[in-house]
Amino acid sequence: MREIKHWLDGQAVSGTSGRQLPVWDPATGEQQAYVVAATKAETERAVASALATFPEWRAASLSRRAEVMFRFRELVDANRKEIATLVSQEHGKTVADAGGELARGLENIEFATGAPHLLKGGYSEQASTGVDVYSIRQPLGVVAGITPFNFPAMVPMWMFCNALVCGNTFVLKPSEKDPSVSLLLADLLRQAGLPDGAFNVVQGDREAVDTLIEHPDVQALSFVGSTPIARHVYEAGTRAGKRVQALGGAKNHMVVLPDADVEAAADAAVSAGYGSAGERCMAVSVVVAVGTIADPLVAAISERIGRIAVGPASDPAAEMGPLISREHRDRVAGYLADPGTAEVVVDGRDAPVSSGPGFFLGASLVDKVSTDSPLYKDEIFGPVLSVVRAETYDDAVQLVNDNEFGNGTAIFTRDGGAARRFQYDVVCGMVGVNVPIPVPVAYYSFGGWKSSLFGDLHMYGPEGIQFYTRSKVVTSRWPDPATSQVDLGFPKVR
């Protein structure tokens, strides 16, 4: 059985704890590898390695750091197929879907290559007589990222690209469910010229996470995962004096007004709801059908579900793969077994592939879902799309705003005034207008509101640069030695 190792001091290192965590093949249901969960001592070694390398990497010029990012970008691009295949083998998403993930990750590397422009400070000459004042941005030191299973290549790139180009060193704790790509990315960073120790990977579970949270040499934590864990990481990390950004769960609504193009809205709902088997924090999980559009929209979505090809990534015709684990598949299927007063229009448990090996569940559609139902209240994180019916635009907006989460939302309409009003009214971090998954491009920043984000700054983009640096203000005076004198008084008003 293949061991997926840690990455310490620029090389792959076997674990020593003896605690083996299985890595499954979601398409077959069989174990394909394992990770040995990192001990506290191994996690501390990763932090020590990053701390020892920090002075060297911080001293590297901005052009040198950007050069490493340029080389890393070219290496990732040259290895697209290998990376996407590796993601697909352990996550279960199709290779095409994994390739899309990688494309968005590449955007973040490309943004990081231009980060020197954003690391410029400000300068005020002659703030007082003979005194200049200027600001500079400096790295924090050792920073850590804790990332989820659903985007094992892209989400780490959200974090470490900006962190490294700003001059920090990085410790990554990837998901134990699909960890192999973290080692490939680490080796590509090494090939790009990043010093050994500037990027380390520890495999494992809560022991490694808690060690990173508590370690006094870790200055900042970035996290993506469920809301309960995000809240824990934020509270424990800030209590330990760290800077923390913790992205939590989501319940993304897609509001469809009566004037919308039914066919376009149905296409968008299917792609946004069932892509990557619904295992996306930006997946549409609730369609809010307003007024008379509800019946034709449900019919159009139902008709499209029958054409979705579900199967293993090894099948080139497959459009949707399995879920990440047997436990998660069974949990998601449980919502269909007990829908309450809602109407199950398409039951994914009846899909032919669901009865075969692997962790498959077909796309499902549930209509007339009430807001007090677990189908609506829970983040299902699977291929189950709920339809909630609303009478008016105001009712639909109230639904979105009353929800616990505020990650992403979308509106489908032909009315520009209604769309502009929606983006003004809605309480949410990311908004799409006739765009079902409004994930920002890399030169903006990603993040939700309410229980979808704990912390003040969003992830990647300009706010990512801000998160991984801190500002220092220098007040400078260079007096003429011939006229220099000691003045112990307060500055005089001029």
Protein backbone atom coordinates (compact mmCIF):
# COMPACT_ATOMS: atom_id res chain seq x y z
CA MET A 1 0.00 0.00 0.00
CA ARG A 2 1.39 3.38 -1.05
CA GLU A 3 2.31 5.85 1.70
CA ILE A 4 1.69 9.53 1.03
CA LYS A 5 4.47 11.31 2.89
CA HIS A 6 5.13 14.65 4.54
CA TRP A 7 7.31 17.29 2.86
CA LEU A 8 9.96 18.69 5.18
CA ASP A 9 13.15 20.62 4.40
CA GLY A 10 12.67 20.21 0.65
CA GLN A 11 12.07 16.46 0.51
CA ALA A 12 9.41 13.79 1.08
CA VAL A 13 9.64 12.22 4.55
CA SER A 14 7.82 9.18 5.93
CA GLY A 15 5.60 9.60 8.97
CA THR A 16 6.56 8.04 12.29
CA SER A 17 3.38 8.03 14.37
CA GLY A 18 2.02 4.72 13.08
CA ARG A 19 -1.48 6.24 12.85
CA GLN A 20 -2.52 5.38 9.30
CA LEU A 21 -5.41 7.26 7.68
CA PRO A 22 -6.86 5.63 4.55
CA VAL A 23 -7.04 7.36 1.17
CA TRP A 24 -9.85 5.83 -0.86
CA ASP A 25 -10.52 5.54 -4.56
CA PRO A 26 -14.05 7.02 -4.64
CA ALA A 27 -14.79 5.37 -7.98
CA THR A 28 -14.17 1.82 -6.73
CA GLY A 29 -14.63 2.10 -2.98
CA GLU A 30 -11.20 0.56 -2.42
CA GLN A 31 -8.31 1.93 -0.43
CA GLN A 32 -5.51 3.12 -2.71
CA ALA A 33 -3.03 4.68 -0.25
CA TYR A 34 -2.61 5.95 3.28
CA VAL A 35 -1.09 8.85 5.16
CA VAL A 36 0.63 8.53 8.51
CA ALA A 37 -0.87 11.30 10.63
CA ALA A 38 1.74 13.80 11.77
CA THR A 39 2.65 13.94 15.42
CA LYS A 40 3.01 17.16 17.35
CA ALA A 41 6.80 16.79 17.07
CA GLU A 42 6.65 16.37 13.28
CA THR A 43 4.41 19.40 12.93
CA GLU A 44 6.76 21.39 15.12
CA ARG A 45 9.64 20.27 12.89
CA ALA A 46 7.80 21.69 9.87
CA VAL A 47 7.34 25.01 11.67
CA ALA A 48 11.00 25.02 12.75
CA SER A 49 12.11 24.39 9.18
CA ALA A 50 9.96 27.29 7.94
CA LEU A 51 11.24 29.54 10.72
CA ALA A 52 14.88 28.73 9.95
CA THR A 53 14.38 29.51 6.25
CA PHE A 54 12.40 32.72 6.82
CA PRO A 55 15.40 35.11 7.10
CA GLU A 56 16.83 33.87 3.79
CA TRP A 57 13.53 34.02 1.92
CA ARG A 58 12.51 37.35 3.40
CA ALA A 59 15.84 38.83 2.31
CA ALA A 60 15.26 37.68 -1.27
CA SER A 61 14.48 40.59 -3.56
CA LEU A 62 10.96 41.17 -4.81
CA SER A 63 12.11 40.35 -8.32
CA ARG A 64 13.61 37.07 -7.10
CA ARG A 65 10.36 36.05 -5.38
CA ALA A 66 8.37 36.95 -8.48
CA GLU A 67 10.83 34.98 -10.61
CA VAL A 68 10.18 31.86 -8.50
CA MET A 69 6.44 32.34 -8.98
CA PHE A 70 6.93 32.72 -12.75
CA ARG A 71 8.89 29.46 -12.87
CA PHE A 72 6.33 27.72 -10.67
CA ARG A 73 3.56 28.88 -12.99
CA GLU A 74 5.33 27.39 -16.00
CA LEU A 75 5.94 24.09 -14.19
CA VAL A 76 2.31 23.80 -13.10
CA ASP A 77 1.17 24.56 -16.64
CA ALA A 78 3.56 21.94 -18.07
CA ASN A 79 2.21 19.35 -15.60
CA ARG A 80 -1.49 20.15 -15.96
CA LYS A 81 -2.49 16.64 -17.02
CA GLU A 82 -0.53 14.90 -14.25
CA ILE A 83 -1.92 17.23 -11.57
CA ALA A 84 -5.52 16.96 -12.81
CA THR A 85 -5.27 13.16 -13.03
CA LEU A 86 -3.91 12.95 -9.49
CA VAL A 87 -6.71 15.14 -8.17
CA SER A 88 -9.27 13.04 -10.04
CA GLN A 89 -7.90 9.75 -8.71
CA GLU A 90 -8.22 10.74 -5.07
CA HIS A 91 -11.16 13.17 -5.11
CA GLY A 92 -13.29 11.43 -7.74
CA LYS A 93 -14.13 14.50 -9.86
CA THR A 94 -13.69 14.10 -13.59
CA VAL A 95 -10.34 14.99 -15.13
CA ALA A 96 -11.99 17.86 -17.01
CA ASP A 97 -13.40 19.20 -13.73
CA ALA A 98 -9.99 18.87 -12.09
CA GLY A 99 -8.49 20.71 -15.04
CA GLY A 100 -10.92 23.56 -14.43
CA GLU A 101 -9.84 23.69 -10.80
CA LEU A 102 -6.23 23.91 -11.91
CA ALA A 103 -6.98 26.70 -14.36
CA ARG A 104 -8.36 28.82 -11.51
CA GLY A 105 -5.31 27.93 -9.43
CA LEU A 106 -3.04 29.13 -12.21
CA GLU A 107 -4.81 32.49 -12.11
CA ASN A 108 -3.66 32.86 -8.50
CA ILE A 109 -0.05 32.06 -9.38
CA GLU A 110 -0.22 34.63 -12.18
CA PHE A 111 -1.59 37.24 -9.78
CA ALA A 112 1.24 36.52 -7.35
CA THR A 113 3.85 37.20 -10.02
CA GLY A 114 2.66 40.80 -10.03
CA ALA A 115 2.53 41.17 -6.26
CA PRO A 116 5.60 43.46 -6.07
CA HIS A 117 3.35 46.19 -7.45
CA LEU A 118 1.03 45.75 -4.44
CA LEU A 119 3.89 45.66 -1.93
CA LYS A 120 4.75 49.29 -2.59
CA GLY A 121 4.35 51.63 0.35
CA GLY A 122 3.64 55.35 0.51
CA TYR A 123 5.98 58.31 0.95
CA SER A 124 5.39 61.83 2.27
CA GLU A 125 8.32 64.18 1.83
CA GLN A 126 8.73 67.06 4.26
CA ALA A 127 5.90 65.99 6.61
CA SER A 128 7.62 68.32 9.01
CA THR A 129 10.69 70.46 8.43
CA GLY A 130 13.42 68.04 7.39
CA VAL A 131 11.25 65.03 8.27
CA ASP A 132 9.94 62.43 5.81
CA VAL A 133 7.32 59.77 6.61
CA TYR A 134 6.85 56.59 4.66
CA SER A 135 5.14 53.23 5.00
CA ILE A 136 6.42 49.78 4.03
CA ARG A 137 4.78 46.35 3.95
CA GLN A 138 6.66 43.46 5.49
CA PRO A 139 5.99 39.70 5.74
CA LEU A 140 4.67 38.13 8.92
CA GLY A 141 7.01 35.14 9.21
CA VAL A 142 5.78 31.54 9.32
CA VAL A 143 2.17 31.19 8.18
CA ALA A 144 0.02 28.06 7.81
CA GLY A 145 -2.83 26.86 5.61
CA ILE A 146 -5.43 24.21 6.44
CA THR A 147 -7.27 23.17 3.29
CA PRO A 148 -10.34 21.05 2.37
CA PHE A 149 -10.75 17.96 0.21
CA ASN A 150 -12.93 19.47 -2.49
CA PHE A 151 -10.23 21.59 -4.19
CA PRO A 152 -6.90 20.01 -3.20
CA ALA A 153 -4.88 21.98 -5.78
CA MET A 154 -6.67 25.31 -6.12
CA VAL A 155 -7.39 26.25 -2.50
CA PRO A 156 -3.77 25.80 -1.33
CA MET A 157 -2.76 28.05 -4.24
CA TRP A 158 -5.19 30.66 -2.92
CA MET A 159 -2.99 30.79 0.16
CA PHE A 160 0.64 29.92 -0.44
CA CYS A 161 1.19 31.85 -3.70
CA ASN A 162 0.53 35.22 -2.06
CA ALA A 163 2.09 34.19 1.24
CA LEU A 164 5.37 33.16 -0.39
CA VAL A 165 5.70 36.08 -2.80
CA CYS A 166 5.21 38.43 0.16
CA GLY A 167 8.26 36.86 1.80
CA ASN A 168 6.63 34.50 4.31
CA THR A 169 7.39 30.82 4.70
CA PHE A 170 4.52 28.34 4.68
CA VAL A 171 3.28 25.14 6.34
CA LEU A 172 0.41 23.36 4.59
CA LYS A 173 -1.91 20.84 6.26
CA PRO A 174 -3.97 19.45 3.34
CA SER A 175 -7.02 17.24 3.64
CA GLU A 176 -6.12 13.69 4.53
CA LYS A 177 -8.73 12.49 2.02
CA ASP A 178 -6.83 13.53 -1.15
CA PRO A 179 -3.35 14.68 -0.10
CA SER A 180 -1.03 13.51 -2.92
CA VAL A 181 -1.24 16.68 -5.01
CA SER A 182 0.25 18.68 -2.11
CA LEU A 183 3.52 16.78 -2.51
CA LEU A 184 3.59 17.31 -6.26
CA LEU A 185 3.08 21.06 -5.79
CA ALA A 186 5.83 21.10 -3.15
CA ASP A 187 8.26 19.46 -5.55
CA LEU A 188 7.35 21.90 -8.32
CA LEU A 189 8.06 24.80 -5.94
CA ARG A 190 11.44 23.23 -5.21
CA GLN A 191 12.15 22.94 -8.93
CA ALA A 192 11.12 26.59 -9.36
CA GLY A 193 13.89 27.64 -6.99
CA LEU A 194 12.10 28.07 -3.67
CA PRO A 195 14.60 27.45 -0.85
CA ASP A 196 14.26 24.18 1.06
CA GLY A 197 12.17 24.74 4.17
CA ALA A 198 10.21 27.69 2.77
CA PHE A 199 7.28 25.36 1.99
CA ASN A 200 6.47 22.33 4.15
CA VAL A 201 3.58 19.86 4.16
CA VAL A 202 2.31 17.87 7.14
CA GLN A 203 -0.29 15.19 6.53
CA GLY A 204 -2.76 14.27 9.21
CA ASP A 205 -5.72 15.30 11.26
CA ARG A 206 -6.65 17.34 14.31
CA GLU A 207 -3.34 16.80 16.12
CA ALA A 208 -1.47 18.62 13.35
CA VAL A 209 -4.15 21.33 13.13
CA ASP A 210 -4.14 21.99 16.87
CA THR A 211 -0.35 22.14 16.90
CA LEU A 212 -0.37 24.80 14.18
CA ILE A 213 -3.06 26.77 16.00
CA GLU A 214 -1.15 26.73 19.28
CA HIS A 215 2.42 27.10 17.99
CA PRO A 216 3.88 30.48 19.01
CA ASP A 217 6.00 30.73 15.84
CA VAL A 218 3.00 30.50 13.49
CA GLN A 219 1.92 34.09 12.88
CA ALA A 220 -1.18 33.55 10.74
CA LEU A 221 -3.66 30.84 9.78
CA SER A 222 -5.75 30.45 6.63
CA PHE A 223 -8.55 27.88 6.70
CA VAL A 224 -11.29 26.63 4.39
CA GLY A 225 -13.84 24.09 5.60
CA SER A 226 -17.13 23.72 7.46
CA THR A 227 -18.52 26.51 9.60
CA PRO A 228 -18.15 24.76 12.99
CA ILE A 229 -14.46 24.06 12.33
CA ALA A 230 -13.91 27.51 10.83
CA ARG A 231 -15.34 29.08 13.97
CA HIS A 232 -13.09 26.90 16.14
CA VAL A 233 -9.96 27.74 14.14
CA TYR A 234 -10.80 31.46 14.23
CA GLU A 235 -11.55 31.57 17.94
CA ALA A 236 -8.61 29.38 19.00
CA GLY A 237 -6.20 31.09 16.61
CA THR A 238 -7.08 34.63 17.61
CA ARG A 239 -6.98 33.60 21.28
CA ALA A 240 -3.41 32.49 20.60
CA GLY A 241 -2.65 35.93 19.16
CA LYS A 242 -2.62 34.96 15.49
CA ARG A 243 -4.05 36.63 12.43
CA VAL A 244 -6.79 34.31 11.09
CA GLN A 245 -8.98 34.08 8.00
CA ALA A 246 -11.36 31.12 8.21
CA LEU A 247 -13.84 30.42 5.41
CA GLY A 248 -16.82 28.32 6.48
CA GLY A 249 -19.89 26.75 4.93
CA ALA A 250 -22.45 27.97 2.44
CA LYS A 251 -26.02 27.67 1.28
CA ASN A 252 -25.95 29.47 -2.04
CA HIS A 253 -29.27 30.67 -3.46
CA MET A 254 -30.01 31.20 -7.13
CA VAL A 255 -32.99 33.53 -7.47
CA VAL A 256 -34.91 33.14 -10.74
CA LEU A 257 -37.38 35.92 -11.54
CA PRO A 258 -40.46 35.34 -13.75
CA ASP A 259 -38.93 37.22 -16.68
CA ALA A 260 -35.77 35.06 -16.79
CA ASP A 261 -34.84 32.82 -19.72
CA VAL A 262 -36.03 29.44 -18.43
CA GLU A 263 -33.64 27.43 -20.59
CA ALA A 264 -30.59 29.47 -19.58
CA ALA A 265 -31.58 29.37 -15.91
CA ALA A 266 -32.07 25.59 -16.02
CA ASP A 267 -28.68 25.08 -17.68
CA ALA A 268 -27.06 27.24 -15.02
CA ALA A 269 -28.80 25.45 -12.15
CA VAL A 270 -27.70 22.05 -13.41
CA SER A 271 -24.06 23.00 -13.98
CA ALA A 272 -23.78 24.94 -10.73
CA GLY A 273 -25.70 22.43 -8.64
CA TYR A 274 -24.23 19.15 -9.84
CA GLY A 275 -20.72 20.01 -11.03
CA SER A 276 -18.11 18.17 -8.97
CA ALA A 277 -21.04 16.21 -7.46
CA GLY A 278 -22.10 19.33 -5.58
CA GLU A 279 -18.97 19.28 -3.43
CA ARG A 280 -18.23 22.98 -3.87
CA CYS A 281 -18.58 25.79 -1.35
CA MET A 282 -19.88 27.90 -4.26
CA ALA A 283 -22.30 25.29 -5.61
CA VAL A 284 -25.89 26.39 -6.04
CA SER A 285 -27.86 24.30 -3.56
CA VAL A 286 -31.12 26.28 -3.50
CA VAL A 287 -33.09 27.58 -6.47
CA VAL A 288 -35.56 30.27 -5.40
CA ALA A 289 -38.26 30.19 -8.07
CA VAL A 290 -40.28 33.40 -8.00
CA GLY A 291 -43.91 33.37 -9.08
CA THR A 292 -45.04 31.71 -12.28
CA ILE A 293 -41.59 30.51 -13.40
CA ALA A 294 -41.51 27.71 -10.81
CA ASP A 295 -43.29 24.92 -12.72
CA PRO A 296 -41.54 25.36 -16.09
CA LEU A 297 -38.17 25.79 -14.35
CA VAL A 298 -38.55 22.59 -12.32
CA ALA A 299 -39.57 20.71 -15.47
CA ALA A 300 -36.57 22.05 -17.41
CA ILE A 301 -34.11 21.13 -14.67
CA SER A 302 -35.64 17.65 -14.32
CA GLU A 303 -35.34 17.01 -18.04
CA ARG A 304 -31.66 17.98 -18.02
CA ILE A 305 -30.80 15.74 -15.08
CA GLY A 306 -31.67 12.70 -17.16
CA ARG A 307 -28.87 13.60 -19.58
CA ILE A 308 -26.09 13.90 -16.96
CA ALA A 309 -23.57 11.08 -17.43
CA VAL A 310 -22.51 9.85 -13.98
CA GLY A 311 -19.49 7.61 -13.74
CA PRO A 312 -15.83 7.20 -12.81
CA ALA A 313 -13.27 9.67 -14.08
CA SER A 314 -11.75 6.85 -16.11
CA ASP A 315 -14.86 7.01 -18.34
CA PRO A 316 -14.28 9.88 -20.80
CA ALA A 317 -18.03 10.33 -21.16
CA ALA A 318 -18.58 10.91 -17.44
CA GLU A 319 -19.70 14.41 -16.45
CA MET A 320 -20.19 13.82 -12.71
CA GLY A 321 -18.12 11.52 -10.53
CA PRO A 322 -18.57 9.97 -7.07
CA LEU A 323 -18.59 11.65 -3.68
CA ILE A 324 -15.45 11.69 -1.55
CA SER A 325 -16.33 8.86 0.87
CA ARG A 326 -18.91 6.20 1.63
CA GLU A 327 -19.95 7.98 4.84
CA HIS A 328 -20.51 11.25 3.03
CA ARG A 329 -22.46 9.56 0.21
CA ASP A 330 -24.74 7.86 2.73
CA ARG A 331 -25.26 11.11 4.67
CA VAL A 332 -26.28 12.98 1.51
CA ALA A 333 -28.61 10.15 0.44
CA GLY A 334 -30.28 10.36 3.85
CA TYR A 335 -31.81 13.72 2.93
CA LEU A 336 -33.67 12.00 0.10
CA ALA A 337 -34.91 9.22 2.34
CA ASP A 338 -36.69 11.70 4.59
CA PRO A 339 -37.66 14.84 2.61
CA GLY A 340 -40.54 15.77 4.92
CA THR A 341 -43.28 17.66 3.09
CA ALA A 342 -41.08 18.33 0.06
CA GLU A 343 -41.51 16.51 -3.25
CA VAL A 344 -38.57 14.45 -4.59
CA VAL A 345 -38.79 15.06 -8.34
CA VAL A 346 -35.61 13.17 -9.27
CA ASP A 347 -34.11 10.68 -6.79
CA GLY A 348 -30.38 10.18 -7.34
CA ARG A 349 -30.46 6.93 -5.40
CA ASP A 350 -32.22 5.41 -8.39
CA ALA A 351 -29.42 6.26 -10.81
CA PRO A 352 -27.92 3.01 -12.23
CA VAL A 353 -24.36 3.85 -11.21
CA SER A 354 -25.44 4.37 -7.57
CA SER A 355 -25.86 0.64 -7.12
CA GLY A 356 -22.37 -0.20 -8.35
CA PRO A 357 -19.00 0.04 -6.62
CA GLY A 358 -17.72 3.37 -5.44
CA PHE A 359 -19.32 6.29 -3.67
CA PHE A 360 -21.76 7.36 -6.37
CA LEU A 361 -25.05 9.18 -6.01
CA GLY A 362 -27.00 10.50 -8.96
CA ALA A 363 -28.17 14.09 -9.32
CA SER A 364 -31.32 14.76 -7.28
CA LEU A 365 -34.00 17.47 -7.43
CA VAL A 366 -36.39 18.26 -4.57
CA ASP A 367 -39.26 20.73 -5.08
CA LYS A 368 -41.44 22.71 -2.64
CA VAL A 369 -38.81 22.66 0.10
CA SER A 370 -39.75 24.62 3.23
CA THR A 371 -37.27 26.85 5.02
CA ASP A 372 -37.55 24.83 8.23
CA SER A 373 -36.51 21.60 6.48
CA PRO A 374 -33.01 20.11 6.93
CA LEU A 375 -32.85 20.09 3.12
CA TYR A 376 -32.84 23.88 3.32
CA LYS A 377 -31.06 24.55 6.62
CA ASP A 378 -28.10 22.15 6.28
CA GLU A 379 -25.11 22.44 4.00
CA ILE A 380 -25.63 19.12 2.22
CA PHE A 381 -22.48 19.34 0.07
CA GLY A 382 -23.68 16.86 -2.50
CA PRO A 383 -25.70 16.58 -5.74
CA VAL A 384 -29.04 17.55 -4.18
CA LEU A 385 -30.72 20.69 -5.53
CA SER A 386 -33.63 22.12 -3.55
CA VAL A 387 -36.31 24.37 -5.02
CA VAL A 388 -37.97 26.91 -2.72
CA ARG A 389 -40.93 28.80 -4.14
CA ALA A 390 -41.38 32.50 -3.43
CA GLU A 391 -44.25 34.77 -4.39
CA THR A 392 -42.32 38.00 -4.95
CA TYR A 393 -38.86 39.47 -5.42
CA ASP A 394 -38.97 40.84 -1.87
CA ASP A 395 -39.79 37.38 -0.49
CA ALA A 396 -36.83 35.91 -2.38
CA VAL A 397 -34.38 38.52 -1.09
CA GLN A 398 -35.67 38.01 2.44
CA LEU A 399 -34.95 34.28 2.11
CA VAL A 400 -31.35 34.94 1.11
CA ASN A 401 -30.79 37.55 3.79
CA ASP A 402 -32.34 35.50 6.60
CA ASN A 403 -30.12 32.50 5.87
CA GLU A 404 -27.25 31.74 8.25
CA PHE A 405 -24.74 31.72 5.41
CA GLY A 406 -23.69 34.47 3.04
CA ASN A 407 -21.09 33.01 0.72
CA GLY A 408 -22.45 33.38 -2.82
CA THR A 409 -25.77 34.11 -4.49
CA ALA A 410 -27.08 34.76 -7.99
CA ILE A 411 -30.06 36.28 -9.73
CA PHE A 412 -31.39 35.37 -13.18
CA THR A 413 -33.46 38.04 -14.88
CA ARG A 414 -33.73 40.14 -18.03
CA ASP A 415 -34.46 43.23 -15.94
CA GLY A 416 -31.37 45.35 -15.37
CA GLY A 417 -33.10 47.41 -12.71
CA ALA A 418 -34.03 44.31 -10.73
CA ALA A 419 -30.47 42.99 -11.01
CA ARG A 420 -28.98 46.26 -9.81
CA ARG A 421 -31.43 46.37 -6.91
CA PHE A 422 -30.54 42.77 -6.00
CA GLN A 423 -26.81 43.43 -5.78
CA TYR A 424 -27.64 46.40 -3.54
CA ASP A 425 -30.14 44.59 -1.31
CA VAL A 426 -28.60 41.16 -0.82
CA VAL A 427 -26.51 40.40 2.27
CA CYS A 428 -23.82 38.20 0.76
CA GLY A 429 -20.13 38.34 -0.10
CA MET A 430 -20.21 37.31 -3.77
CA VAL A 431 -23.06 38.03 -6.20
CA GLY A 432 -23.72 36.74 -9.70
CA VAL A 433 -26.02 38.42 -12.23
CA ASN A 434 -26.99 35.71 -14.72
CA VAL A 435 -23.78 33.98 -13.54
CA PRO A 436 -24.53 31.01 -11.26
CA ILE A 437 -21.10 30.59 -9.61
CA PRO A 438 -19.71 34.09 -9.03
CA VAL A 439 -16.18 33.09 -7.98
CA PRO A 440 -14.05 36.22 -8.41
CA VAL A 441 -11.11 36.32 -10.76
CA ALA A 442 -7.72 36.31 -9.01
CA TYR A 443 -7.26 40.08 -8.99
CA TYR A 444 -10.34 40.46 -6.79
CA SER A 445 -10.75 38.55 -3.51
CA PHE A 446 -12.86 35.54 -2.46
CA GLY A 447 -14.97 35.50 0.67
CA GLY A 448 -18.46 35.42 2.11
CA TRP A 449 -20.32 37.17 4.88
CA LYS A 450 -22.13 35.99 8.03
CA SER A 451 -21.25 32.40 9.03
CA SER A 452 -19.36 31.85 5.78
CA LEU A 453 -16.32 33.85 6.91
CA PHE A 454 -14.58 34.44 10.23
CA GLY A 455 -12.03 37.22 10.03
CA ASP A 456 -11.75 40.66 8.52
CA LEU A 457 -10.05 39.89 5.20
CA HIS A 458 -11.12 37.76 2.24
CA MET A 459 -8.85 35.26 0.54
CA TYR A 460 -6.40 35.71 -2.36
CA GLY A 461 -6.22 38.80 -4.55
CA PRO A 462 -5.47 42.21 -3.02
CA GLU A 463 -6.88 41.26 0.39
CA GLY A 464 -4.64 38.20 0.38
CA ILE A 465 -1.58 40.44 0.01
CA GLN A 466 -2.88 42.55 2.87
CA PHE A 467 -3.46 39.47 5.05
CA TYR A 468 0.07 38.13 4.59
CA THR A 469 1.84 41.44 5.28
CA ARG A 470 1.76 44.13 7.93
CA SER A 471 2.38 47.81 7.57
CA LYS A 472 5.26 49.66 9.19
CA VAL A 473 5.49 53.47 9.22
CA VAL A 474 8.92 55.11 9.36
CA THR A 475 9.43 58.73 10.37
CA SER A 476 12.88 59.76 9.12
CA ARG A 477 15.07 62.81 9.72
CA TRP A 478 18.63 63.30 8.48
CA PRO A 479 19.87 66.51 10.08
CA ASP A 480 22.88 68.48 8.92
CA PRO A 481 25.67 67.57 11.38
CA ALA A 482 26.77 71.20 11.50
CA THR A 483 23.42 72.38 12.81
CA SER A 484 22.33 69.29 14.72
CA GLN A 485 20.98 69.90 18.19
CA VAL A 486 19.09 67.93 20.84
CA ASP A 487 15.43 68.86 21.25
CA LEU A 488 13.52 67.02 23.96
CA GLY A 489 10.31 68.98 23.50
CA PHE A 490 7.12 68.12 21.67
CA PRO A 491 6.83 69.02 17.99
CA LYS A 492 5.85 72.62 17.52
CA VAL A 493 2.77 73.69 15.62
CA ARG A 494 3.74 75.49 12.43
